[in-house]
Each structure stands twice: as C-alpha cells, then as structure tokens.
Amino acid sequence: MLRKVGRLFVIKTRIEAFLIIYALALGATARGAHYLEQYPGFGGKLLFLATTGAVFMAGAKVLDCLKYEARDKAARAAEAD
C-alpha cells in the first residue's frame, strides 16, 4: 500500500515536471514580492532574483533527471534483451 502511495510522488513525464516547475515559480514570485515589500530597494530585488533563479536551477535539474532516467530505462531494456 505504501508503495502505491509513494508512486504518486514520482515525476514520470515532462508535463508533470513542467506543472511542478510552474507551481514552484508561482511560490517563488509570491515570496519574492514579499521580499520586495519587506526589503525595499536593491536588497529586495536581489532576493527576488535569488528566489526566481533557484526555480530555474531546480527546474533544469528536474528535466535533466527525467532525461537520465529515460536513458537508463532504455539501457536496462536493451540489456535485458
């Protein structure tokens, strides 16, 4: 039963990855807007940039991992044949 629940939290397709990245970006921009209110000026802009930059880096890593997993799965299938 736990294995079935655990499969819900596995990113399997690029569409799922893009939806997760979109959700992360929404949260990051909301947090960045909060930083702009809390720290007006250059410091707030830097924090806003840091929150959005983190989403870009995390999104790239998620997409790279999907490519790696697909390549690994194909190699295992070829090895089994």
N, C-alpha and C. Protein backbone atom coordinates (compact mmCIF):
# COMPACT_ATOMS: atom_id res chain seq x y z
N MET A 1 0.82 -1.19 0.00
CA MET A 1 0.00 0.00 0.00
C MET A 1 0.87 1.26 0.00
N LEU A 2 1.93 1.25 0.81
CA LEU A 2 2.82 2.41 0.85
C LEU A 2 3.52 2.63 -0.48
N ARG A 3 3.80 1.55 -1.18
CA ARG A 3 4.45 1.66 -2.48
C ARG A 3 3.53 2.36 -3.48
N LYS A 4 2.24 2.06 -3.43
CA LYS A 4 1.28 2.71 -4.31
C LYS A 4 1.17 4.20 -4.01
N VAL A 5 1.17 4.54 -2.74
CA VAL A 5 1.12 5.95 -2.35
C VAL A 5 2.42 6.65 -2.75
N GLY A 6 3.53 5.97 -2.59
CA GLY A 6 4.82 6.54 -2.95
C GLY A 6 4.94 6.84 -4.44
N ARG A 7 4.29 6.04 -5.27
CA ARG A 7 4.33 6.27 -6.72
C ARG A 7 3.63 7.56 -7.12
N LEU A 8 2.74 8.06 -6.27
CA LEU A 8 2.07 9.32 -6.57
C LEU A 8 3.04 10.50 -6.56
N PHE A 9 4.14 10.36 -5.85
CA PHE A 9 5.09 11.45 -5.69
C PHE A 9 6.29 11.33 -6.62
N VAL A 10 6.20 10.49 -7.62
CA VAL A 10 7.28 10.31 -8.59
C VAL A 10 6.90 11.05 -9.86
N ILE A 11 7.82 11.87 -10.35
CA ILE A 11 7.60 12.61 -11.59
C ILE A 11 7.96 11.69 -12.74
N LYS A 12 6.97 11.40 -13.60
CA LYS A 12 7.19 10.43 -14.66
C LYS A 12 7.30 11.07 -16.04
N THR A 13 6.61 12.17 -16.28
CA THR A 13 6.58 12.77 -17.62
C THR A 13 7.04 14.22 -17.56
N ARG A 14 7.35 14.75 -18.73
CA ARG A 14 7.77 16.15 -18.81
C ARG A 14 6.62 17.09 -18.47
N ILE A 15 5.39 16.69 -18.77
CA ILE A 15 4.24 17.54 -18.43
C ILE A 15 4.12 17.69 -16.93
N GLU A 16 4.28 16.59 -16.20
CA GLU A 16 4.25 16.65 -14.74
C GLU A 16 5.38 17.54 -14.23
N ALA A 17 6.54 17.43 -14.85
CA ALA A 17 7.68 18.25 -14.43
C ALA A 17 7.39 19.73 -14.65
N PHE A 18 6.82 20.06 -15.82
CA PHE A 18 6.51 21.47 -16.09
C PHE A 18 5.45 22.00 -15.14
N LEU A 19 4.48 21.17 -14.76
CA LEU A 19 3.46 21.62 -13.80
C LEU A 19 4.08 21.89 -12.43
N ILE A 20 5.01 21.05 -12.03
CA ILE A 20 5.68 21.25 -10.75
C ILE A 20 6.56 22.50 -10.79
N ILE A 21 7.27 22.68 -11.90
CA ILE A 21 8.11 23.88 -12.04
C ILE A 21 7.25 25.13 -12.03
N TYR A 22 6.09 25.08 -12.67
CA TYR A 22 5.17 26.22 -12.66
C TYR A 22 4.71 26.55 -11.24
N ALA A 23 4.37 25.51 -10.48
CA ALA A 23 3.94 25.72 -9.10
C ALA A 23 5.08 26.31 -8.26
N LEU A 24 6.29 25.82 -8.48
CA LEU A 24 7.45 26.38 -7.77
C LEU A 24 7.66 27.85 -8.13
N ALA A 25 7.48 28.17 -9.42
CA ALA A 25 7.66 29.55 -9.86
C ALA A 25 6.62 30.48 -9.26
N LEU A 26 5.38 30.01 -9.16
CA LEU A 26 4.35 30.83 -8.53
C LEU A 26 4.70 31.13 -7.07
N GLY A 27 5.14 30.11 -6.37
CA GLY A 27 5.52 30.31 -4.98
C GLY A 27 6.74 31.22 -4.84
N ALA A 28 7.68 31.07 -5.75
CA ALA A 28 8.89 31.88 -5.68
C ALA A 28 8.60 33.35 -5.97
N THR A 29 7.73 33.61 -6.94
CA THR A 29 7.41 35.01 -7.23
C THR A 29 6.59 35.63 -6.09
N ALA A 30 5.74 34.84 -5.47
CA ALA A 30 4.99 35.36 -4.31
C ALA A 30 5.96 35.69 -3.17
N ARG A 31 6.91 34.79 -2.94
CA ARG A 31 7.91 35.03 -1.90
C ARG A 31 8.78 36.23 -2.27
N GLY A 32 9.13 36.35 -3.55
CA GLY A 32 9.94 37.48 -4.00
C GLY A 32 9.20 38.79 -3.83
N ALA A 33 7.89 38.80 -4.09
CA ALA A 33 7.10 40.01 -3.89
C ALA A 33 7.07 40.39 -2.41
N HIS A 34 7.02 39.38 -1.57
CA HIS A 34 7.07 39.64 -0.12
C HIS A 34 8.42 40.25 0.26
N TYR A 35 9.48 39.73 -0.34
CA TYR A 35 10.81 40.30 -0.08
C TYR A 35 10.89 41.75 -0.54
N LEU A 36 10.28 42.07 -1.67
CA LEU A 36 10.31 43.45 -2.17
C LEU A 36 9.60 44.40 -1.21
N GLU A 37 8.53 43.93 -0.59
CA GLU A 37 7.84 44.76 0.40
C GLU A 37 8.65 44.90 1.67
N GLN A 38 9.25 43.80 2.08
CA GLN A 38 9.98 43.79 3.34
C GLN A 38 11.32 44.52 3.24
N TYR A 39 12.00 44.37 2.11
CA TYR A 39 13.31 44.97 1.90
C TYR A 39 13.27 45.83 0.63
N PRO A 40 12.77 47.05 0.71
CA PRO A 40 12.70 47.87 -0.50
C PRO A 40 14.10 48.24 -0.98
N GLY A 41 14.21 48.40 -2.27
CA GLY A 41 15.50 48.79 -2.84
C GLY A 41 16.24 47.62 -3.45
N PHE A 42 17.54 47.80 -3.51
CA PHE A 42 18.40 46.84 -4.19
C PHE A 42 18.41 45.47 -3.49
N GLY A 43 18.38 45.45 -2.17
CA GLY A 43 18.40 44.18 -1.43
C GLY A 43 17.18 43.32 -1.73
N GLY A 44 16.02 43.94 -1.80
CA GLY A 44 14.81 43.20 -2.12
C GLY A 44 14.84 42.66 -3.54
N LYS A 45 15.40 43.44 -4.45
CA LYS A 45 15.49 42.98 -5.84
C LYS A 45 16.45 41.80 -5.95
N LEU A 46 17.53 41.83 -5.19
CA LEU A 46 18.46 40.70 -5.20
C LEU A 46 17.82 39.43 -4.64
N LEU A 47 17.05 39.59 -3.57
CA LEU A 47 16.36 38.43 -3.00
C LEU A 47 15.31 37.88 -3.96
N PHE A 48 14.60 38.78 -4.64
CA PHE A 48 13.62 38.35 -5.64
C PHE A 48 14.32 37.57 -6.76
N LEU A 49 15.44 38.07 -7.20
CA LEU A 49 16.22 37.40 -8.24
C LEU A 49 16.70 36.03 -7.76
N ALA A 50 17.09 35.95 -6.49
CA ALA A 50 17.56 34.68 -5.95
C ALA A 50 16.43 33.64 -5.90
N THR A 51 15.23 34.07 -5.53
CA THR A 51 14.12 33.11 -5.47
C THR A 51 13.76 32.59 -6.85
N THR A 52 13.74 33.47 -7.84
CA THR A 52 13.39 33.01 -9.19
C THR A 52 14.55 32.22 -9.81
N GLY A 53 15.77 32.59 -9.50
CA GLY A 53 16.92 31.84 -10.01
C GLY A 53 16.96 30.43 -9.47
N ALA A 54 16.54 30.25 -8.23
CA ALA A 54 16.51 28.92 -7.65
C ALA A 54 15.52 28.02 -8.39
N VAL A 55 14.41 28.61 -8.84
CA VAL A 55 13.43 27.82 -9.60
C VAL A 55 14.02 27.40 -10.94
N PHE A 56 14.74 28.29 -11.59
CA PHE A 56 15.37 27.94 -12.87
C PHE A 56 16.35 26.78 -12.69
N MET A 57 17.15 26.84 -11.64
CA MET A 57 18.13 25.78 -11.42
C MET A 57 17.44 24.47 -11.05
N ALA A 58 16.44 24.52 -10.20
CA ALA A 58 15.73 23.30 -9.81
C ALA A 58 14.98 22.71 -11.00
N GLY A 59 14.37 23.56 -11.81
CA GLY A 59 13.65 23.08 -12.98
C GLY A 59 14.57 22.40 -13.98
N ALA A 60 15.73 22.98 -14.18
CA ALA A 60 16.70 22.37 -15.10
C ALA A 60 17.14 21.01 -14.57
N LYS A 61 17.33 20.91 -13.27
CA LYS A 61 17.76 19.64 -12.68
C LYS A 61 16.67 18.58 -12.81
N VAL A 62 15.42 18.96 -12.60
CA VAL A 62 14.31 18.01 -12.74
C VAL A 62 14.23 17.50 -14.18
N LEU A 63 14.32 18.40 -15.14
CA LEU A 63 14.25 17.98 -16.54
C LEU A 63 15.44 17.12 -16.94
N ASP A 64 16.62 17.44 -16.44
CA ASP A 64 17.80 16.61 -16.72
C ASP A 64 17.65 15.21 -16.12
N CYS A 65 17.09 15.14 -14.93
CA CYS A 65 16.91 13.84 -14.29
C CYS A 65 15.91 12.98 -15.06
N LEU A 66 14.89 13.60 -15.62
CA LEU A 66 13.94 12.84 -16.43
C LEU A 66 14.62 12.24 -17.65
N LYS A 67 15.48 13.03 -18.29
CA LYS A 67 16.21 12.51 -19.45
C LYS A 67 17.13 11.36 -19.05
N TYR A 68 17.80 11.53 -17.91
CA TYR A 68 18.70 10.49 -17.43
C TYR A 68 17.94 9.20 -17.13
N GLU A 69 16.80 9.32 -16.46
CA GLU A 69 16.02 8.14 -16.11
C GLU A 69 15.50 7.43 -17.36
N ALA A 70 15.08 8.19 -18.37
CA ALA A 70 14.60 7.59 -19.61
C ALA A 70 15.74 6.84 -20.31
N ARG A 71 16.92 7.44 -20.33
CA ARG A 71 18.08 6.81 -20.96
C ARG A 71 18.49 5.55 -20.19
N ASP A 72 18.43 5.61 -18.85
CA ASP A 72 18.77 4.47 -18.02
C ASP A 72 17.77 3.33 -18.22
N LYS A 73 16.50 3.69 -18.31
CA LYS A 73 15.46 2.68 -18.53
C LYS A 73 15.64 2.00 -19.89
N ALA A 74 15.99 2.77 -20.91
CA ALA A 74 16.22 2.20 -22.24
C ALA A 74 17.44 1.29 -22.23
N ALA A 75 18.48 1.66 -21.51
CA ALA A 75 19.68 0.82 -21.42
C ALA A 75 19.38 -0.49 -20.72
N ARG A 76 18.57 -0.42 -19.67
CA ARG A 76 18.21 -1.66 -18.95
C ARG A 76 17.37 -2.57 -19.83
N ALA A 77 16.46 -1.97 -20.62
CA ALA A 77 15.62 -2.78 -21.51
C ALA A 77 16.48 -3.45 -22.58
N ALA A 78 17.47 -2.72 -23.11
CA ALA A 78 18.35 -3.30 -24.12
C ALA A 78 19.24 -4.38 -23.51
N GLU A 79 19.61 -4.20 -22.27
CA GLU A 79 20.44 -5.18 -21.58
C GLU A 79 19.66 -6.46 -21.32
N ALA A 80 18.37 -6.33 -21.04
CA ALA A 80 17.54 -7.50 -20.75
C ALA A 80 17.27 -8.33 -21.99
N ASP A 81 17.32 -7.69 -23.16
CA ASP A 81 17.05 -8.43 -24.41
C ASP A 81 18.22 -9.21 -24.84
